[in-house]
Structures are given as structure tokens and as C-alpha cells.
């Protein structure tokens, strides 16, 4: 039996309440095609390739982490993902910083992969910090490469890492807050050069594992959650959802 887009939206609002989103964010039902839903595609990003996959698979809804509409639109073409969704009659629900912060969301998922225990929130509620078995920044980078398919850069701490902080995506700017909370290392997706210099100056570790790699696991989490909530709806992750950057 098909679900409505609003029913799916309500399930996701319970999982990641919109009140958790940052004030600058754009979350929720961003494209409403008004069709019943019996197939859903989950993804980190809604790209043209993902929309084409959704159409080919007969999906009426795409659920993503990154908003398909973020900045105000001044011009739109038929090749833009939002226009493609409308043309194919596919709705889009986007759960961004609310899903970063939500229990069981993006950062709890990453914290679990990294083995962080007794977690507390920081970084505007989006990051997690807690205890880990003694390790090193290099070992954490190797873990990210193995578990996330990442190609990390890292800077070693001047001590064993027993308190680890993580912020998925572009979280490097939270390094000082992590240090203030006693972190020996920060794992994130992106960090500016001056953040690496700060880490070296302060003697803490830094692992930069890639924006896509640190957040992509949430697509599987969303698919599993929606499959449990909607057993009559087919939910799958997007094969076309790939890291936009290549590595040598």
C-alpha cells in the first residue's frame, strides 16, 4: 500500500525534528510532486544522476541529507536537479542539520563507526565527543579509509588519543571547541589550512576524511529507518550517489 509524502515527512520529522536545524538551513519537503509513494530513494546529495536513477527505478520520492534547494534561486534550467524532480514528478525531502544533530543521525552514526563511547554533543549539537580506547590519529585515519572508503589526511597528536571528537562534513572550524572540551583529536570531513596549523600548535590530532565520506553512511541509516516504518514501501539507497571528488 502506497504512502503519502506527508506521511513520510512526519516519520522523518519524528526521527530528526526540524527544530534541531540551524536557523540558516533549509530542510523539510522542498519539492512536492503530490504523488503517492511506493518507492523511495535515499541519498546524501540530490544530483542529476540521482534524479535519473530515481526516475529509472520508479521512485516517487527522494530523501536526502543535503538540501536540493539551499540558496535562493535566481535562475533555473531543466538540467537543474530541482527542475528534473518536478519534470519527473518526484518529491524531495531534505534533512540537513537537524539530521546532523538528531539521536541516531549523521553524527551518532559516525561516532559509532569511530568507536566513541559515552558521547556528549557539541558544535551546535551536531558533533559528538567521548571516550575511545587509546589510539592514534593515524589509526583513526586508517579506520576511516577502511570503514568509510575515505582517503584521509591526518596530523598526529603528541599523546595517545583517548578522548575523541567528531563533526561530519565541514566541521574543522569546531577544533578549538573540541580542544576546550578536552579532545585529543578531531575527525571531520573538511578543515582549512589554519585549522591544521592550530592542531599542530596545540598538539592534538586531526583527521580530515572528506565531506562525502563522513556523511554518506546516513543514506543507509535513512533507508533502514524508512523500511521499518513503511514495510509496504520499497526503499533503497542511490547507487549514483558518489563522492564528487576523485583521488589519485
C-alpha atoms as a PDB file:
ATOM      1  CA  UNK A   1       0.000   0.000   0.000  1.00  0.00           C
ATOM      2  CA  UNK A   2       1.395   3.384  -1.013  1.00  0.00           C
ATOM      3  CA  UNK A   3       2.157   6.114   1.494  1.00  0.00           C
ATOM      4  CA  UNK A   4       1.687   9.834   1.082  1.00  0.00           C
ATOM      5  CA  UNK A   5       4.588  12.243   1.005  1.00  0.00           C
ATOM      6  CA  UNK A   6       3.216  13.880   4.142  1.00  0.00           C
ATOM      7  CA  UNK A   7       3.209  10.536   5.969  1.00  0.00           C
ATOM      8  CA  UNK A   8       6.867  10.024   5.091  1.00  0.00           C
ATOM      9  CA  UNK A   9       7.640  13.603   6.123  1.00  0.00           C
ATOM     10  CA  UNK A  10       6.035  13.049   9.522  1.00  0.00           C
ATOM     11  CA  UNK A  11       8.089   9.884  10.085  1.00  0.00           C
ATOM     12  CA  UNK A  12      11.254  11.818   9.298  1.00  0.00           C
ATOM     13  CA  UNK A  13      10.219  14.765  11.466  1.00  0.00           C
ATOM     14  CA  UNK A  14       9.911  12.412  14.429  1.00  0.00           C
ATOM     15  CA  UNK A  15      13.351  10.963  13.651  1.00  0.00           C
ATOM     16  CA  UNK A  16      15.026  14.350  13.067  1.00  0.00           C
ATOM     17  CA  UNK A  17      12.803  17.194  14.339  1.00  0.00           C
ATOM     18  CA  UNK A  18      13.038  20.342  12.249  1.00  0.00           C
ATOM     19  CA  UNK A  19      13.571  22.360  15.456  1.00  0.00           C
ATOM     20  CA  UNK A  20      17.077  20.868  15.593  1.00  0.00           C
ATOM     21  CA  UNK A  21      18.036  22.524  12.296  1.00  0.00           C
ATOM     22  CA  UNK A  22      20.234  25.628  12.305  1.00  0.00           C
ATOM     23  CA  UNK A  23      18.438  28.883  11.580  1.00  0.00           C
ATOM     24  CA  UNK A  24      20.226  29.325   8.233  1.00  0.00           C
ATOM     25  CA  UNK A  25      19.268  25.880   6.965  1.00  0.00           C
ATOM     26  CA  UNK A  26      16.562  24.793   4.514  1.00  0.00           C
ATOM     27  CA  UNK A  27      15.004  21.478   5.497  1.00  0.00           C
ATOM     28  CA  UNK A  28      11.789  19.548   5.040  1.00  0.00           C
ATOM     29  CA  UNK A  29       9.650  18.948   1.958  1.00  0.00           C
ATOM     30  CA  UNK A  30      11.489  21.039  -0.640  1.00  0.00           C
ATOM     31  CA  UNK A  31       9.878  19.562  -3.774  1.00  0.00           C
ATOM     32  CA  UNK A  32       6.278  18.354  -3.591  1.00  0.00           C
ATOM     33  CA  UNK A  33       5.091  16.453  -6.656  1.00  0.00           C
ATOM     34  CA  UNK A  34       1.928  15.331  -4.866  1.00  0.00           C
ATOM     35  CA  UNK A  35       2.129  11.663  -5.909  1.00  0.00           C
ATOM     36  CA  UNK A  36       1.536   8.581  -3.721  1.00  0.00           C
ATOM     37  CA  UNK A  37       4.782   6.913  -2.708  1.00  0.00           C
ATOM     38  CA  UNK A  38       5.572   3.227  -3.058  1.00  0.00           C
ATOM     39  CA  UNK A  39       9.307   3.597  -3.830  1.00  0.00           C
ATOM     40  CA  UNK A  40      11.831   5.836  -2.075  1.00  0.00           C
ATOM     41  CA  UNK A  41      15.486   6.542  -2.899  1.00  0.00           C
ATOM     42  CA  UNK A  42      17.802   7.751  -0.105  1.00  0.00           C
ATOM     43  CA  UNK A  43      20.976   9.687  -0.814  1.00  0.00           C
ATOM     44  CA  UNK A  44      23.457  12.177   0.583  1.00  0.00           C
ATOM     45  CA  UNK A  45      23.140  14.541  -2.402  1.00  0.00           C
ATOM     46  CA  UNK A  46      20.410  15.019  -4.980  1.00  0.00           C
ATOM     47  CA  UNK A  47      22.375  15.284  -8.216  1.00  0.00           C
ATOM     48  CA  UNK A  48      21.156  14.943 -11.785  1.00  0.00           C
ATOM     49  CA  UNK A  49      22.428  11.349 -11.783  1.00  0.00           C
ATOM     50  CA  UNK A  50      20.483  10.562  -8.615  1.00  0.00           C
ATOM     51  CA  UNK A  51      17.286  12.025 -10.083  1.00  0.00           C
ATOM     52  CA  UNK A  52      17.773   9.949 -13.221  1.00  0.00           C
ATOM     53  CA  UNK A  53      18.239   6.846 -11.071  1.00  0.00           C
ATOM     54  CA  UNK A  54      15.095   7.642  -9.087  1.00  0.00           C
ATOM     55  CA  UNK A  55      13.112   8.019 -12.298  1.00  0.00           C
ATOM     56  CA  UNK A  56      14.529   4.798 -13.754  1.00  0.00           C
ATOM     57  CA  UNK A  57      13.698   2.895 -10.560  1.00  0.00           C
ATOM     58  CA  UNK A  58      10.148   4.244 -10.455  1.00  0.00           C
ATOM     59  CA  UNK A  59      10.673   6.183  -7.217  1.00  0.00           C
ATOM     60  CA  UNK A  60       8.201   8.935  -6.379  1.00  0.00           C
ATOM     61  CA  UNK A  61      10.326  10.370  -3.531  1.00  0.00           C
ATOM     62  CA  UNK A  62      13.989  11.082  -2.848  1.00  0.00           C
ATOM     63  CA  UNK A  63      15.116  11.597   0.748  1.00  0.00           C
ATOM     64  CA  UNK A  64      18.486  13.331   1.099  1.00  0.00           C
ATOM     65  CA  UNK A  65      20.770  14.856   3.696  1.00  0.00           C
ATOM     66  CA  UNK A  66      21.916  17.879   1.707  1.00  0.00           C
ATOM     67  CA  UNK A  67      19.134  20.240   0.581  1.00  0.00           C
ATOM     68  CA  UNK A  68      18.362  20.212  -3.131  1.00  0.00           C
ATOM     69  CA  UNK A  69      17.437  23.900  -2.730  1.00  0.00           C
ATOM     70  CA  UNK A  70      19.725  25.767  -0.352  1.00  0.00           C
ATOM     71  CA  UNK A  71      20.446  29.302  -1.513  1.00  0.00           C
ATOM     72  CA  UNK A  72      17.659  31.427  -3.035  1.00  0.00           C
ATOM     73  CA  UNK A  73      17.165  30.515  -6.695  1.00  0.00           C
ATOM     74  CA  UNK A  74      17.700  33.352  -9.166  1.00  0.00           C
ATOM     75  CA  UNK A  75      17.618  31.177 -12.275  1.00  0.00           C
ATOM     76  CA  UNK A  76      16.680  27.581 -13.004  1.00  0.00           C
ATOM     77  CA  UNK A  77      17.159  25.376 -16.057  1.00  0.00           C
ATOM     78  CA  UNK A  78      15.722  21.996 -16.934  1.00  0.00           C
ATOM     79  CA  UNK A  79      19.112  20.434 -16.138  1.00  0.00           C
ATOM     80  CA  UNK A  80      18.993  21.567 -12.503  1.00  0.00           C
ATOM     81  CA  UNK A  81      18.142  18.703 -10.104  1.00  0.00           C
ATOM     82  CA  UNK A  82      15.147  20.575  -8.628  1.00  0.00           C
ATOM     83  CA  UNK A  83      13.683  21.118 -12.098  1.00  0.00           C
ATOM     84  CA  UNK A  84      14.370  17.497 -13.031  1.00  0.00           C
ATOM     85  CA  UNK A  85      12.483  16.339  -9.949  1.00  0.00           C
ATOM     86  CA  UNK A  86       9.447  18.407 -10.922  1.00  0.00           C
ATOM     87  CA  UNK A  87       9.615  17.219 -14.532  1.00  0.00           C
ATOM     88  CA  UNK A  88       9.629  13.573 -13.444  1.00  0.00           C
ATOM     89  CA  UNK A  89       7.001  14.068 -10.734  1.00  0.00           C
ATOM     90  CA  UNK A  90       9.401  13.147  -7.904  1.00  0.00           C
ATOM     91  CA  UNK A  91       9.191  14.778  -4.490  1.00  0.00           C
ATOM     92  CA  UNK A  92      12.214  15.572  -2.301  1.00  0.00           C
ATOM     93  CA  UNK A  93      12.522  15.650   1.476  1.00  0.00           C
ATOM     94  CA  UNK A  94      15.842  17.002   2.764  1.00  0.00           C
ATOM     95  CA  UNK A  95      17.042  16.542   6.355  1.00  0.00           C
ATOM     96  CA  UNK A  96      20.243  18.519   6.891  1.00  0.00           C
ATOM     97  CA  UNK A  97      21.490  19.996  10.187  1.00  0.00           C
ATOM     98  CA  UNK A  98      18.509  18.516  12.021  1.00  0.00           C
ATOM     99  CA  UNK A  99      19.725  15.080  10.905  1.00  0.00           C
ATOM    100  CA  UNK A 100      23.288  16.030  11.883  1.00  0.00           C
ATOM    101  CA  UNK A 101      22.111  16.691  15.424  1.00  0.00           C
ATOM    102  CA  UNK A 102      19.379  14.057  15.821  1.00  0.00           C
ATOM    103  CA  UNK A 103      19.882  10.983  18.016  1.00  0.00           C
ATOM    104  CA  UNK A 104      20.787   8.172  15.651  1.00  0.00           C
ATOM    105  CA  UNK A 105      21.513  10.679  12.882  1.00  0.00           C
ATOM    106  CA  UNK A 106      24.635  11.583  10.927  1.00  0.00           C
ATOM    107  CA  UNK A 107      26.987  12.229  13.824  1.00  0.00           C
ATOM    108  CA  UNK A 108      25.790   9.426  16.068  1.00  0.00           C
ATOM    109  CA  UNK A 109      26.344   7.133  13.084  1.00  0.00           C
ATOM    110  CA  UNK A 110      29.890   8.450  12.588  1.00  0.00           C
ATOM    111  CA  UNK A 111      30.605   8.281  16.314  1.00  0.00           C
ATOM    112  CA  UNK A 112      29.547   4.635  16.305  1.00  0.00           C
ATOM    113  CA  UNK A 113      31.838   3.835  13.377  1.00  0.00           C
ATOM    114  CA  UNK A 114      34.735   5.525  15.207  1.00  0.00           C
ATOM    115  CA  UNK A 115      34.015   3.632  18.431  1.00  0.00           C
ATOM    116  CA  UNK A 116      33.273   6.671  20.595  1.00  0.00           C
ATOM    117  CA  UNK A 117      31.632   5.798  23.921  1.00  0.00           C
ATOM    118  CA  UNK A 118      29.673   7.905  26.422  1.00  0.00           C
ATOM    119  CA  UNK A 119      29.131  10.621  23.848  1.00  0.00           C
ATOM    120  CA  UNK A 120      28.149  14.207  24.516  1.00  0.00           C
ATOM    121  CA  UNK A 121      27.073  16.757  21.920  1.00  0.00           C
ATOM    122  CA  UNK A 122      28.977  19.885  20.905  1.00  0.00           C
ATOM    123  CA  UNK A 123      29.365  22.019  17.754  1.00  0.00           C
ATOM    124  CA  UNK A 124      25.848  23.471  17.942  1.00  0.00           C
ATOM    125  CA  UNK A 125      24.565  19.992  18.775  1.00  0.00           C
ATOM    126  CA  UNK A 126      25.894  18.476  15.575  1.00  0.00           C
ATOM    127  CA  UNK A 127      29.212  16.983  16.763  1.00  0.00           C
ATOM    128  CA  UNK A 128      29.943  14.217  19.250  1.00  0.00           C
ATOM    129  CA  UNK A 129      32.776  13.824  21.773  1.00  0.00           C
ATOM    130  CA  UNK A 130      33.566  10.954  24.090  1.00  0.00           C
ATOM    131  CA  UNK A 131      35.965   8.228  25.148  1.00  0.00           C
ATOM    132  CA  UNK A 132      37.792   5.801  22.873  1.00  0.00           C
ATOM    133  CA  UNK A 133      40.242   3.005  23.541  1.00  0.00           C
ATOM    134  CA  UNK A 134      43.758   4.505  23.321  1.00  0.00           C
ATOM    135  CA  UNK A 135      44.611   5.064  19.681  1.00  0.00           C
ATOM    136  CA  UNK A 136      46.393   7.428  17.299  1.00  0.00           C
ATOM    137  CA  UNK A 137      45.340   9.844  14.585  1.00  0.00           C
ATOM    138  CA  UNK A 138      46.961   7.568  12.016  1.00  0.00           C
ATOM    139  CA  UNK A 139      44.966   4.573  13.232  1.00  0.00           C
ATOM    140  CA  UNK A 140      41.783   6.647  13.081  1.00  0.00           C
ATOM    141  CA  UNK A 141      42.651   7.728   9.541  1.00  0.00           C
ATOM    142  CA  UNK A 142      43.150   4.067   8.599  1.00  0.00           C
ATOM    143  CA  UNK A 143      39.776   3.250  10.169  1.00  0.00           C
ATOM    144  CA  UNK A 144      38.115   5.992   8.087  1.00  0.00           C
ATOM    145  CA  UNK A 145      39.765   4.642   4.954  1.00  0.00           C
ATOM    146  CA  UNK A 146      38.552   1.125   5.729  1.00  0.00           C
ATOM    147  CA  UNK A 147      35.029   1.831   7.010  1.00  0.00           C
ATOM    148  CA  UNK A 148      34.124   4.969   5.054  1.00  0.00           C
ATOM    149  CA  UNK A 149      36.010   4.471   1.810  1.00  0.00           C
ATOM    150  CA  UNK A 150      37.782   7.729   2.630  1.00  0.00           C
ATOM    151  CA  UNK A 151      41.206   8.994   1.530  1.00  0.00           C
ATOM    152  CA  UNK A 152      42.104  10.866   4.719  1.00  0.00           C
ATOM    153  CA  UNK A 153      44.767  13.354   5.586  1.00  0.00           C
ATOM    154  CA  UNK A 154      45.889  13.356   9.195  1.00  0.00           C
ATOM    155  CA  UNK A 155      48.084  15.096  11.720  1.00  0.00           C
ATOM    156  CA  UNK A 156      49.331  13.066  14.679  1.00  0.00           C
ATOM    157  CA  UNK A 157      48.666  14.096  18.266  1.00  0.00           C
ATOM    158  CA  UNK A 158      51.546  14.445  20.718  1.00  0.00           C
ATOM    159  CA  UNK A 159      49.840  11.984  23.075  1.00  0.00           C
ATOM    160  CA  UNK A 160      47.606   8.899  22.885  1.00  0.00           C
ATOM    161  CA  UNK A 161      44.077   9.685  21.754  1.00  0.00           C
ATOM    162  CA  UNK A 162      41.636   8.674  24.472  1.00  0.00           C
ATOM    163  CA  UNK A 163      39.059  11.434  24.078  1.00  0.00           C
ATOM    164  CA  UNK A 164      37.869  11.843  20.514  1.00  0.00           C
ATOM    165  CA  UNK A 165      35.678  14.500  18.895  1.00  0.00           C
ATOM    166  CA  UNK A 166      33.989  14.240  15.515  1.00  0.00           C
ATOM    167  CA  UNK A 167      31.949  16.571  13.345  1.00  0.00           C
ATOM    168  CA  UNK A 168      30.833  15.207   9.991  1.00  0.00           C
ATOM    169  CA  UNK A 169      31.141  17.257   6.816  1.00  0.00           C
ATOM    170  CA  UNK A 170      32.684  20.711   7.062  1.00  0.00           C
ATOM    171  CA  UNK A 171      33.426  20.638  10.798  1.00  0.00           C
ATOM    172  CA  UNK A 172      37.020  21.781  11.004  1.00  0.00           C
ATOM    173  CA  UNK A 173      36.061  25.159  12.460  1.00  0.00           C
ATOM    174  CA  UNK A 174      34.985  23.392  15.654  1.00  0.00           C
ATOM    175  CA  UNK A 175      38.524  22.263  16.500  1.00  0.00           C
ATOM    176  CA  UNK A 176      39.038  24.880  19.224  1.00  0.00           C
ATOM    177  CA  UNK A 177      35.741  23.943  20.863  1.00  0.00           C
ATOM    178  CA  UNK A 178      36.797  20.292  20.771  1.00  0.00           C
ATOM    179  CA  UNK A 179      40.135  21.208  22.379  1.00  0.00           C
ATOM    180  CA  UNK A 180      38.336  23.205  25.077  1.00  0.00           C
ATOM    181  CA  UNK A 181      36.278  20.078  25.820  1.00  0.00           C
ATOM    182  CA  UNK A 182      39.419  18.000  26.270  1.00  0.00           C
ATOM    183  CA  UNK A 183      39.623  16.258  22.897  1.00  0.00           C
ATOM    184  CA  UNK A 184      42.931  14.693  21.918  1.00  0.00           C
ATOM    185  CA  UNK A 185      41.868  14.526  18.265  1.00  0.00           C
ATOM    186  CA  UNK A 186      39.140  15.726  15.897  1.00  0.00           C
ATOM    187  CA  UNK A 187      37.811  13.674  12.994  1.00  0.00           C
ATOM    188  CA  UNK A 188      35.947  15.712  10.402  1.00  0.00           C
ATOM    189  CA  UNK A 189      35.254  15.913   6.703  1.00  0.00           C
ATOM    190  CA  UNK A 190      36.859  19.248   5.839  1.00  0.00           C
ATOM    191  CA  UNK A 191      39.322  21.542   7.603  1.00  0.00           C
ATOM    192  CA  UNK A 192      41.058  24.696   6.433  1.00  0.00           C
ATOM    193  CA  UNK A 193      44.843  25.028   6.454  1.00  0.00           C
ATOM    194  CA  UNK A 194      44.828  27.268   9.525  1.00  0.00           C
ATOM    195  CA  UNK A 195      42.917  24.583  11.417  1.00  0.00           C
ATOM    196  CA  UNK A 196      45.712  22.087  10.730  1.00  0.00           C
ATOM    197  CA  UNK A 197      48.230  24.650  11.948  1.00  0.00           C
ATOM    198  CA  UNK A 198      46.196  25.134  15.130  1.00  0.00           C
ATOM    199  CA  UNK A 199      46.056  21.375  15.712  1.00  0.00           C
ATOM    200  CA  UNK A 200      49.833  21.114  15.338  1.00  0.00           C
ATOM    201  CA  UNK A 201      50.380  24.094  17.648  1.00  0.00           C
ATOM    202  CA  UNK A 202      48.118  22.603  20.320  1.00  0.00           C
ATOM    203  CA  UNK A 203      49.499  19.081  19.987  1.00  0.00           C
ATOM    204  CA  UNK A 204      46.163  17.487  19.140  1.00  0.00           C
ATOM    205  CA  UNK A 205      45.377  15.093  16.333  1.00  0.00           C
ATOM    206  CA  UNK A 206      43.343  15.917  13.257  1.00  0.00           C
ATOM    207  CA  UNK A 207      41.851  13.549  10.690  1.00  0.00           C
ATOM    208  CA  UNK A 208      40.317  15.085   7.552  1.00  0.00           C
ATOM    209  CA  UNK A 209      38.425  12.244   5.915  1.00  0.00           C
ATOM    210  CA  UNK A 210      36.306  14.031   3.288  1.00  0.00           C
ATOM    211  CA  UNK A 211      32.865  15.624   3.424  1.00  0.00           C
ATOM    212  CA  UNK A 212      31.118  12.919   1.414  1.00  0.00           C
ATOM    213  CA  UNK A 213      32.811  10.026   3.197  1.00  0.00           C
ATOM    214  CA  UNK A 214      31.949  11.201   6.708  1.00  0.00           C
ATOM    215  CA  UNK A 215      28.279  11.733   5.865  1.00  0.00           C
ATOM    216  CA  UNK A 216      27.402   9.141   3.230  1.00  0.00           C
ATOM    217  CA  UNK A 217      26.613   6.340   5.762  1.00  0.00           C
ATOM    218  CA  UNK A 218      23.426   8.214   6.684  1.00  0.00           C
ATOM    219  CA  UNK A 219      21.836   7.166   3.384  1.00  0.00           C
ATOM    220  CA  UNK A 220      21.782   3.575   4.597  1.00  0.00           C
ATOM    221  CA  UNK A 221      20.506   4.619   8.013  1.00  0.00           C
ATOM    222  CA  UNK A 222      17.627   6.538   6.411  1.00  0.00           C
ATOM    223  CA  UNK A 223      16.773   3.586   4.170  1.00  0.00           C
ATOM    224  CA  UNK A 224      16.690   1.179   7.120  1.00  0.00           C
ATOM    225  CA  UNK A 225      14.584   3.552   9.236  1.00  0.00           C
ATOM    226  CA  UNK A 226      12.035   4.145   6.484  1.00  0.00           C
ATOM    227  CA  UNK A 227      11.873   0.433   5.627  1.00  0.00           C
ATOM    228  CA  UNK A 228      10.963  -0.379   9.232  1.00  0.00           C
ATOM    229  CA  UNK A 229       8.368   2.402   9.403  1.00  0.00           C
ATOM    230  CA  UNK A 230       6.870   1.678   5.966  1.00  0.00           C
ATOM    231  CA  UNK A 231       7.081  -2.085   5.319  1.00  0.00           C
ATOM    232  CA  UNK A 232       4.898  -1.846   2.205  1.00  0.00           C
ATOM    233  CA  UNK A 233       7.144   0.781   0.584  1.00  0.00           C
ATOM    234  CA  UNK A 234      10.340  -0.228  -1.223  1.00  0.00           C
ATOM    235  CA  UNK A 235      13.290   1.851  -0.020  1.00  0.00           C
ATOM    236  CA  UNK A 236      16.800   1.735  -1.475  1.00  0.00           C
ATOM    237  CA  UNK A 237      19.986   3.796  -1.389  1.00  0.00           C
ATOM    238  CA  UNK A 238      21.141   5.594  -4.521  1.00  0.00           C
ATOM    239  CA  UNK A 239      23.953   3.885  -6.408  1.00  0.00           C
ATOM    240  CA  UNK A 240      24.546   7.152  -8.295  1.00  0.00           C
ATOM    241  CA  UNK A 241      25.352   8.982  -5.047  1.00  0.00           C
ATOM    242  CA  UNK A 242      29.131   9.184  -5.341  1.00  0.00           C
ATOM    243  CA  UNK A 243      31.880  11.419  -3.978  1.00  0.00           C
ATOM    244  CA  UNK A 244      32.199  14.278  -6.496  1.00  0.00           C
ATOM    245  CA  UNK A 245      35.992  14.366  -5.937  1.00  0.00           C
ATOM    246  CA  UNK A 246      38.411  11.849  -7.428  1.00  0.00           C
ATOM    247  CA  UNK A 247      41.677  10.830  -5.788  1.00  0.00           C
ATOM    248  CA  UNK A 248      44.951   9.639  -7.325  1.00  0.00           C
END
